[in-house]
Amino acid sequence: MPRYYFDIIENDHRSRDREGVDLPSLDDARREAQEALADMAAEVFRRSENATLTIEIRTEPDGASVEVVASASIRTN
């Protein structure tokens, strides 16, 4: 079973996953990232008017990645 690494990027701050998780497929990893983003987004967007939250999924410790992104902004006129 492949190991996937989930790096979390909030605006310009990156937290690198050094342990990873064994999952059956990239689709499973993408679903895992989407669920994690949904959980994290409520907190991040509550404390910031403009935020971008990204999870990069890697298949190797230093390998290529796939991004799952959530962003929100509050605009006042």
N, C-alpha and C. Protein backbone atom coordinates (compact mmCIF):
# COMPACT_ATOMS: atom_id res chain seq x y z
N MET A 1 0.84 -1.17 0.00
CA MET A 1 0.00 0.00 0.00
C MET A 1 0.90 1.25 0.00
N PRO A 2 0.59 2.24 -0.85
CA PRO A 2 1.43 3.44 -0.93
C PRO A 2 1.31 4.30 0.34
N ARG A 3 2.37 5.04 0.61
CA ARG A 3 2.38 5.99 1.73
C ARG A 3 2.23 7.39 1.14
N TYR A 4 1.30 8.16 1.72
CA TYR A 4 1.04 9.54 1.29
C TYR A 4 1.40 10.50 2.41
N TYR A 5 1.98 11.63 2.02
CA TYR A 5 2.39 12.67 2.96
C TYR A 5 1.52 13.89 2.71
N PHE A 6 1.05 14.51 3.79
CA PHE A 6 0.11 15.63 3.69
C PHE A 6 0.75 16.88 4.30
N ASP A 7 1.25 17.77 3.46
CA ASP A 7 1.81 19.03 3.93
C ASP A 7 0.68 20.05 4.01
N ILE A 8 0.66 20.80 5.11
CA ILE A 8 -0.38 21.80 5.32
C ILE A 8 0.24 23.18 5.13
N ILE A 9 -0.40 24.00 4.30
CA ILE A 9 0.08 25.35 4.05
C ILE A 9 -1.06 26.31 4.37
N GLU A 10 -0.83 27.17 5.36
CA GLU A 10 -1.79 28.21 5.70
C GLU A 10 -1.16 29.54 5.33
N ASN A 11 -1.74 30.19 4.31
CA ASN A 11 -1.16 31.38 3.72
C ASN A 11 0.28 31.06 3.32
N ASP A 12 1.29 31.63 3.97
CA ASP A 12 2.68 31.36 3.58
C ASP A 12 3.40 30.44 4.55
N HIS A 13 2.70 29.89 5.53
CA HIS A 13 3.34 29.02 6.52
C HIS A 13 3.12 27.54 6.16
N ARG A 14 4.21 26.79 6.03
CA ARG A 14 4.14 25.38 5.65
C ARG A 14 4.50 24.48 6.83
N SER A 15 3.66 23.47 7.05
CA SER A 15 3.95 22.40 8.02
C SER A 15 4.13 21.12 7.21
N ARG A 16 5.32 20.58 7.26
CA ARG A 16 5.66 19.41 6.44
C ARG A 16 5.36 18.11 7.19
N ASP A 17 4.66 17.20 6.54
CA ASP A 17 4.35 15.88 7.10
C ASP A 17 5.57 14.99 6.90
N ARG A 18 6.14 14.52 7.98
CA ARG A 18 7.33 13.67 7.88
C ARG A 18 7.02 12.20 8.12
N GLU A 19 5.79 11.90 8.55
CA GLU A 19 5.43 10.50 8.85
C GLU A 19 4.64 9.84 7.73
N GLY A 20 3.65 10.53 7.20
CA GLY A 20 2.81 9.97 6.15
C GLY A 20 1.79 8.98 6.68
N VAL A 21 0.91 8.56 5.76
CA VAL A 21 -0.17 7.62 6.07
C VAL A 21 -0.28 6.63 4.92
N ASP A 22 -0.44 5.36 5.24
CA ASP A 22 -0.66 4.34 4.21
C ASP A 22 -2.13 4.34 3.81
N LEU A 23 -2.39 4.52 2.51
CA LEU A 23 -3.74 4.52 1.98
C LEU A 23 -3.75 3.74 0.67
N PRO A 24 -4.91 3.16 0.30
CA PRO A 24 -4.97 2.31 -0.89
C PRO A 24 -4.69 3.04 -2.22
N SER A 25 -5.09 4.34 -2.32
CA SER A 25 -4.97 5.01 -3.62
C SER A 25 -4.88 6.52 -3.46
N LEU A 26 -4.52 7.20 -4.54
CA LEU A 26 -4.49 8.66 -4.54
C LEU A 26 -5.89 9.22 -4.32
N ASP A 27 -6.91 8.57 -4.86
CA ASP A 27 -8.29 9.02 -4.62
C ASP A 27 -8.61 9.01 -3.13
N ASP A 28 -8.18 7.97 -2.42
CA ASP A 28 -8.39 7.91 -0.98
C ASP A 28 -7.62 9.03 -0.27
N ALA A 29 -6.41 9.30 -0.72
CA ALA A 29 -5.61 10.38 -0.14
C ALA A 29 -6.28 11.73 -0.39
N ARG A 30 -6.81 11.93 -1.58
CA ARG A 30 -7.50 13.18 -1.90
C ARG A 30 -8.74 13.36 -1.02
N ARG A 31 -9.51 12.29 -0.81
CA ARG A 31 -10.68 12.37 0.08
C ARG A 31 -10.26 12.70 1.51
N GLU A 32 -9.18 12.08 1.95
CA GLU A 32 -8.64 12.35 3.29
C GLU A 32 -8.27 13.83 3.42
N ALA A 33 -7.62 14.37 2.41
CA ALA A 33 -7.22 15.78 2.42
C ALA A 33 -8.44 16.70 2.41
N GLN A 34 -9.46 16.37 1.63
CA GLN A 34 -10.67 17.19 1.58
C GLN A 34 -11.37 17.21 2.95
N GLU A 35 -11.45 16.07 3.60
CA GLU A 35 -12.07 16.02 4.92
C GLU A 35 -11.26 16.82 5.94
N ALA A 36 -9.94 16.71 5.87
CA ALA A 36 -9.09 17.47 6.78
C ALA A 36 -9.23 18.96 6.55
N LEU A 37 -9.29 19.38 5.29
CA LEU A 37 -9.47 20.80 4.98
C LEU A 37 -10.80 21.31 5.53
N ALA A 38 -11.84 20.55 5.38
CA ALA A 38 -13.16 20.96 5.89
C ALA A 38 -13.09 21.17 7.41
N ASP A 39 -12.42 20.27 8.11
CA ASP A 39 -12.29 20.40 9.56
C ASP A 39 -11.45 21.61 9.95
N MET A 40 -10.35 21.84 9.24
CA MET A 40 -9.44 22.93 9.58
C MET A 40 -9.98 24.29 9.14
N ALA A 41 -10.73 24.32 8.05
CA ALA A 41 -11.17 25.59 7.47
C ALA A 41 -12.02 26.41 8.43
N ALA A 42 -12.90 25.79 9.18
CA ALA A 42 -13.76 26.54 10.09
C ALA A 42 -12.92 27.38 11.05
N GLU A 43 -11.89 26.80 11.61
CA GLU A 43 -11.03 27.52 12.56
C GLU A 43 -10.21 28.60 11.86
N VAL A 44 -9.60 28.26 10.75
CA VAL A 44 -8.73 29.21 10.04
C VAL A 44 -9.53 30.40 9.55
N PHE A 45 -10.69 30.17 8.95
CA PHE A 45 -11.46 31.26 8.37
C PHE A 45 -12.19 32.07 9.44
N ARG A 46 -12.35 31.53 10.64
CA ARG A 46 -12.94 32.28 11.75
C ARG A 46 -12.00 33.38 12.24
N ARG A 47 -10.70 33.12 12.18
CA ARG A 47 -9.74 34.09 12.73
C ARG A 47 -9.06 34.95 11.68
N SER A 48 -9.43 34.81 10.42
CA SER A 48 -8.78 35.58 9.37
C SER A 48 -9.79 35.99 8.31
N GLU A 49 -9.71 37.25 7.89
CA GLU A 49 -10.61 37.72 6.84
C GLU A 49 -10.18 37.24 5.46
N ASN A 50 -8.90 37.02 5.29
CA ASN A 50 -8.37 36.51 4.02
C ASN A 50 -7.44 35.35 4.34
N ALA A 51 -7.74 34.20 3.80
CA ALA A 51 -6.90 33.05 4.09
C ALA A 51 -6.92 32.08 2.93
N THR A 52 -5.82 31.40 2.77
CA THR A 52 -5.74 30.29 1.84
C THR A 52 -5.19 29.11 2.62
N LEU A 53 -5.86 28.00 2.52
CA LEU A 53 -5.46 26.79 3.22
C LEU A 53 -5.28 25.72 2.16
N THR A 54 -4.10 25.11 2.14
CA THR A 54 -3.76 24.13 1.12
C THR A 54 -3.19 22.88 1.78
N ILE A 55 -3.56 21.73 1.25
CA ILE A 55 -2.88 20.49 1.62
C ILE A 55 -2.24 19.95 0.35
N GLU A 56 -0.94 19.76 0.40
CA GLU A 56 -0.23 19.13 -0.70
C GLU A 56 -0.05 17.67 -0.35
N ILE A 57 -0.40 16.81 -1.28
CA ILE A 57 -0.27 15.36 -1.09
C ILE A 57 0.95 14.90 -1.87
N ARG A 58 1.88 14.24 -1.17
CA ARG A 58 3.07 13.69 -1.82
C ARG A 58 3.07 12.18 -1.65
N THR A 59 3.67 11.48 -2.61
CA THR A 59 3.77 10.03 -2.52
C THR A 59 5.12 9.56 -2.02
N GLU A 60 6.06 10.49 -1.89
CA GLU A 60 7.38 10.18 -1.37
C GLU A 60 7.81 11.35 -0.49
N PRO A 61 8.76 11.14 0.42
CA PRO A 61 9.16 12.24 1.30
C PRO A 61 9.52 13.53 0.56
N ASP A 62 10.13 13.43 -0.60
CA ASP A 62 10.48 14.63 -1.36
C ASP A 62 9.91 14.57 -2.77
N GLY A 63 8.83 13.84 -2.96
CA GLY A 63 8.28 13.62 -4.30
C GLY A 63 7.35 14.72 -4.77
N ALA A 64 6.80 14.51 -5.96
CA ALA A 64 5.85 15.43 -6.57
C ALA A 64 4.57 15.47 -5.75
N SER A 65 3.77 16.51 -5.97
CA SER A 65 2.59 16.67 -5.14
C SER A 65 1.34 16.96 -5.95
N VAL A 66 0.21 16.76 -5.29
CA VAL A 66 -1.11 17.14 -5.78
C VAL A 66 -1.66 18.08 -4.73
N GLU A 67 -2.28 19.19 -5.13
CA GLU A 67 -2.80 20.15 -4.16
C GLU A 67 -4.30 20.03 -4.01
N VAL A 68 -4.77 20.16 -2.78
CA VAL A 68 -6.18 20.32 -2.47
C VAL A 68 -6.25 21.66 -1.74
N VAL A 69 -7.02 22.63 -2.27
CA VAL A 69 -6.98 24.01 -1.78
C VAL A 69 -8.37 24.47 -1.35
N ALA A 70 -8.41 25.20 -0.22
CA ALA A 70 -9.61 25.91 0.20
C ALA A 70 -9.21 27.35 0.43
N SER A 71 -10.00 28.30 -0.06
CA SER A 71 -9.68 29.69 0.19
C SER A 71 -10.97 30.45 0.46
N ALA A 72 -10.84 31.51 1.24
CA ALA A 72 -11.99 32.35 1.54
C ALA A 72 -11.51 33.77 1.77
N SER A 73 -12.35 34.71 1.41
CA SER A 73 -12.03 36.10 1.70
C SER A 73 -13.33 36.83 2.02
N ILE A 74 -13.22 37.81 2.90
CA ILE A 74 -14.35 38.64 3.25
C ILE A 74 -14.03 40.03 2.73
N ARG A 75 -14.91 40.56 1.93
CA ARG A 75 -14.67 41.87 1.33
C ARG A 75 -15.72 42.86 1.83
N THR A 76 -15.25 44.00 2.21
CA THR A 76 -16.16 45.06 2.63
C THR A 76 -16.05 46.21 1.65
N ASN A 77 -17.15 46.86 1.38
CA ASN A 77 -17.17 47.99 0.44
C ASN A 77 -17.22 49.30 1.19
